[in-house]
Amino acid sequence: MALYAGGPVTKRPWDSSEWTAQDDTVRGGNSTSTLFIPPSGVCAAFSGSLDAKTLGGTGFASQRTTGECIWDLSEYQGIELFVKLEGCEDIPSISSDPPAIKTYSLNIRDLLPDTYIEKGTVRENSTLEYEATFTPSEGLSSDGERILLPFERFEATYRGRPQNGTELNLSNIRRFSLMARSFFGSQEGEFRLVLISISAVKVRPVPWAPTWMSSRGA
């Protein structure tokens, strides 16, 4: 099931009004992010700059979904990301230098955080979320790559730190976010990742076969 994907026939095409930045500037950091979606809506480019020093190695830059959507994904086994580094229609190319950031995370929440007003700005309290990290393949081809994240890979975190004893409620998914974070100082700098789609998928196990079958011809 396509959650976010380009094209006129998908249920939820890419729409810039459904995403907003949530960077470490809310805590005094200097990281920035954007999610550029061209008028065609066929893809989205997640890009920005990750600062790992200002907050002592805990920098992050992210784009999260907005609105009051509720997804019941209890019949699915994971999330599939279809990603590219370049080559999406209507998104300008960047320099030949590879992005400094190699590892990203997809975060899911099954509860929306409480909000409060600070100096006239609506802010959110920190809450529990479920995170799965992924690293696109080195030398990613122009055809892109499909990255499968089974739900059992999503680990509960609070402000980036692991939490035990909780389980993701798949019948009440409220928010997705794409994040580049410093992982306590292990990475920083420019990042860019082009997304074609985010989908919920039913993972089929690979059928077992005797090892001798692999040596036979068709």
Protein backbone atom coordinates (compact mmCIF):
# COMPACT_ATOMS: atom_id res chain seq x y z
CA MET A 1 0.00 0.00 0.00
CA ALA A 2 1.49 3.31 -1.08
CA LEU A 3 1.54 5.78 1.82
CA TYR A 4 3.38 8.49 -0.10
CA ALA A 5 4.23 8.10 -3.78
CA GLY A 6 4.27 10.17 -6.94
CA GLY A 7 1.80 9.82 -9.78
CA PRO A 8 -1.93 10.42 -10.30
CA VAL A 9 -3.13 6.93 -9.32
CA THR A 10 -1.56 6.64 -5.87
CA LYS A 11 -3.63 7.09 -2.73
CA ARG A 12 -1.34 9.65 -1.13
CA PRO A 13 0.90 11.44 -3.67
CA TRP A 14 3.72 13.67 -2.49
CA ASP A 15 2.29 16.95 -1.22
CA SER A 16 4.45 19.63 0.45
CA SER A 17 1.54 20.71 2.68
CA GLU A 18 1.66 17.32 4.44
CA TRP A 19 5.28 17.69 5.59
CA THR A 20 7.08 20.14 7.85
CA ALA A 21 10.59 20.60 9.23
CA GLN A 22 11.45 19.48 12.75
CA ASP A 23 15.13 20.25 13.21
CA ASP A 24 17.39 20.62 16.24
CA THR A 25 16.93 24.41 16.10
CA VAL A 26 14.07 23.87 18.60
CA ARG A 27 16.80 22.93 21.11
CA GLY A 28 19.32 25.56 20.05
CA GLY A 29 21.09 23.58 17.30
CA ASN A 30 22.01 24.68 13.78
CA SER A 31 20.85 21.76 11.61
CA THR A 32 18.44 22.46 8.75
CA SER A 33 16.30 20.37 6.42
CA THR A 34 13.90 20.75 3.50
CA LEU A 35 11.65 18.39 1.60
CA PHE A 36 11.45 19.68 -1.95
CA ILE A 37 8.50 18.35 -3.95
CA PRO A 38 8.26 19.45 -7.59
CA PRO A 39 4.91 20.48 -9.12
CA SER A 40 4.64 17.09 -10.81
CA GLY A 41 4.58 15.43 -7.36
CA VAL A 42 6.45 12.37 -8.63
CA CYS A 43 9.15 12.42 -5.94
CA ALA A 44 10.55 14.29 -2.95
CA ALA A 45 14.11 15.39 -2.15
CA PHE A 46 15.07 15.31 1.54
CA SER A 47 18.14 17.50 1.94
CA GLY A 48 19.91 19.88 4.29
CA SER A 49 22.85 20.26 6.63
CA LEU A 50 23.51 18.33 9.83
CA ASP A 51 25.36 20.07 12.67
CA ALA A 52 26.91 17.66 15.16
CA LYS A 53 28.83 20.11 17.34
CA THR A 54 26.44 22.70 18.77
CA LEU A 55 24.44 20.20 20.84
CA GLY A 56 27.38 18.01 21.77
CA GLY A 57 26.89 15.29 19.17
CA THR A 58 23.10 15.07 19.32
CA GLY A 59 22.23 17.08 16.21
CA PHE A 60 19.31 16.12 13.98
CA ALA A 61 17.46 17.37 10.91
CA SER A 62 14.09 15.90 10.02
CA GLN A 63 10.89 16.25 8.02
CA ARG A 64 7.70 14.88 9.53
CA THR A 65 4.14 14.38 8.38
CA THR A 66 1.43 16.78 9.51
CA GLY A 67 -2.31 16.41 9.96
CA GLU A 68 -4.53 13.97 11.80
CA CYS A 69 -4.13 10.83 9.68
CA ILE A 70 -4.49 7.42 11.28
CA TRP A 71 -3.08 4.38 9.48
CA ASP A 72 -3.99 0.82 10.40
CA LEU A 73 -0.95 -1.18 9.29
CA SER A 74 -1.65 -4.25 11.42
CA GLU A 75 -1.99 -6.43 8.30
CA TYR A 76 1.43 -5.38 7.00
CA GLN A 77 4.91 -6.51 7.98
CA GLY A 78 7.08 -3.52 7.19
CA ILE A 79 7.84 -0.30 5.33
CA GLU A 80 9.54 -0.12 1.94
CA LEU A 81 11.43 2.99 0.84
CA PHE A 82 12.17 3.48 -2.85
CA VAL A 83 15.13 5.88 -2.90
CA LYS A 84 17.61 7.51 -5.27
CA LEU A 85 20.50 9.91 -4.85
CA GLU A 86 19.71 11.77 -8.08
CA GLY A 87 17.70 11.41 -11.26
CA CYS A 88 14.19 12.39 -10.22
CA GLU A 89 12.15 14.42 -12.67
CA ASP A 90 12.02 18.17 -11.95
CA ILE A 91 14.55 18.04 -9.10
CA PRO A 92 17.77 19.89 -9.94
CA SER A 93 21.00 17.93 -9.80
CA ILE A 94 23.66 18.85 -7.28
CA SER A 95 27.45 18.81 -7.49
CA SER A 96 29.32 15.60 -8.14
CA ASP A 97 30.56 15.53 -4.54
CA PRO A 98 28.79 12.75 -2.62
CA PRO A 99 26.70 13.81 0.40
CA ALA A 100 28.53 13.57 3.73
CA ILE A 101 25.62 11.84 5.45
CA LYS A 102 25.36 8.11 4.73
CA THR A 103 22.87 6.81 7.30
CA TYR A 104 19.28 7.97 7.79
CA SER A 105 16.37 6.89 9.92
CA LEU A 106 12.64 6.49 9.43
CA ASN A 107 10.69 7.20 12.59
CA ILE A 108 7.10 6.21 13.39
CA ARG A 109 4.80 7.41 16.15
CA ASP A 110 1.59 5.79 17.33
CA LEU A 111 0.68 8.76 19.56
CA LEU A 112 0.82 12.47 18.75
CA PRO A 113 2.72 14.60 21.28
CA ASP A 114 1.13 17.28 23.44
CA THR A 115 1.72 20.86 22.32
CA TYR A 116 2.46 24.07 24.18
CA ILE A 117 3.00 27.75 23.36
CA GLU A 118 6.44 29.31 23.81
CA LYS A 119 6.96 32.96 22.84
CA GLY A 120 3.98 32.79 20.52
CA THR A 121 5.17 29.61 18.76
CA VAL A 122 3.43 26.24 18.98
CA ARG A 123 5.91 23.58 20.10
CA GLU A 124 5.67 19.87 20.85
CA ASN A 125 6.80 17.92 23.87
CA SER A 126 9.25 15.09 23.26
CA THR A 127 7.56 11.71 23.09
CA LEU A 128 8.38 8.09 22.43
CA GLU A 129 8.93 7.13 18.80
CA TYR A 130 10.06 4.04 16.92
CA GLU A 131 13.16 4.28 14.77
CA ALA A 132 14.75 2.13 12.06
CA THR A 133 18.02 3.22 10.48
CA PHE A 134 19.06 2.56 6.89
CA THR A 135 22.07 3.23 4.69
CA PRO A 136 21.55 3.38 0.91
CA SER A 137 24.05 1.27 -1.03
CA GLU A 138 27.35 2.82 -2.05
CA GLY A 139 27.27 3.77 -5.72
CA LEU A 140 23.48 3.72 -5.85
CA SER A 141 22.46 3.29 -9.50
CA SER A 142 20.20 5.63 -11.45
CA ASP A 143 17.46 2.98 -11.13
CA GLY A 144 17.36 3.55 -7.38
CA GLU A 145 17.05 1.07 -4.54
CA ARG A 146 14.17 -0.44 -2.57
CA ILE A 147 14.96 -0.63 1.13
CA LEU A 148 12.82 -2.90 3.29
CA LEU A 149 12.37 -2.07 6.97
CA PRO A 150 10.44 -4.83 8.79
CA PHE A 151 8.47 -3.54 11.74
CA GLU A 152 10.52 -5.64 14.13
CA ARG A 153 13.51 -3.45 13.23
CA PHE A 154 11.84 -0.33 14.63
CA GLU A 155 13.19 0.30 18.12
CA ALA A 156 11.59 2.55 20.72
CA THR A 157 13.61 5.71 21.40
CA TYR A 158 13.23 8.90 23.41
CA ARG A 159 15.33 11.80 22.16
CA GLY A 160 17.48 9.32 20.27
CA ARG A 161 18.12 7.03 23.22
CA PRO A 162 16.80 3.43 23.32
CA GLN A 163 13.80 2.62 25.53
CA ASN A 164 12.77 -0.86 26.63
CA GLY A 165 9.41 -2.46 27.35
CA THR A 166 7.28 -0.79 24.67
CA GLU A 167 5.74 -2.06 21.44
CA LEU A 168 4.57 -0.17 18.36
CA ASN A 169 0.78 -0.12 17.96
CA LEU A 170 0.46 -0.89 14.26
CA SER A 171 -3.29 -0.27 14.23
CA ASN A 172 -2.85 3.37 15.23
CA ILE A 173 0.05 4.87 13.26
CA ARG A 174 -0.12 8.67 13.51
CA ARG A 175 3.11 10.07 12.09
CA PHE A 176 6.15 9.32 9.92
CA SER A 177 9.38 11.29 9.88
CA LEU A 178 12.58 11.16 7.85
CA MET A 179 15.67 12.03 9.83
CA ALA A 180 19.38 12.62 9.45
CA ARG A 181 21.03 12.61 12.85
CA SER A 182 24.58 12.72 14.11
CA PHE A 183 24.38 9.48 16.13
CA PHE A 184 26.29 11.19 18.95
CA GLY A 185 28.95 12.74 16.71
CA SER A 186 29.54 9.94 14.18
CA GLN A 187 28.36 11.93 11.14
CA GLU A 188 27.74 15.53 10.08
CA GLY A 189 27.56 17.74 7.00
CA GLU A 190 25.42 17.98 3.88
CA PHE A 191 22.81 15.35 3.01
CA ARG A 192 20.43 14.63 0.14
CA LEU A 193 18.13 11.68 -0.48
CA VAL A 194 15.49 11.46 -3.22
CA LEU A 195 12.40 9.43 -2.36
CA ILE A 196 10.07 7.96 -4.96
CA SER A 197 7.75 6.25 -2.51
CA ILE A 198 7.08 5.15 1.06
CA SER A 199 4.88 2.04 1.19
CA ALA A 200 3.52 -0.46 3.69
CA VAL A 201 4.29 -3.97 2.45
CA LYS A 202 3.45 -7.56 3.22
CA VAL A 203 6.76 -9.37 3.39
CA ARG A 204 6.68 -12.84 1.90
CA PRO A 205 9.27 -15.26 3.33
CA VAL A 206 11.67 -16.78 0.83
CA PRO A 207 10.58 -20.41 0.19
CA TRP A 208 12.99 -22.98 1.55
CA ALA A 209 14.77 -25.12 -1.03
CA PRO A 210 17.50 -27.77 -0.73
CA THR A 211 20.97 -26.39 -1.45
CA TRP A 212 21.41 -28.80 -4.35
CA MET A 213 18.61 -27.06 -6.24
CA SER A 214 20.66 -23.89 -6.61
CA SER A 215 23.15 -25.66 -8.88
CA ARG A 216 20.55 -26.92 -11.33
CA GLY A 217 19.62 -25.17 -14.49
CA ALA A 218 16.12 -23.99 -15.31
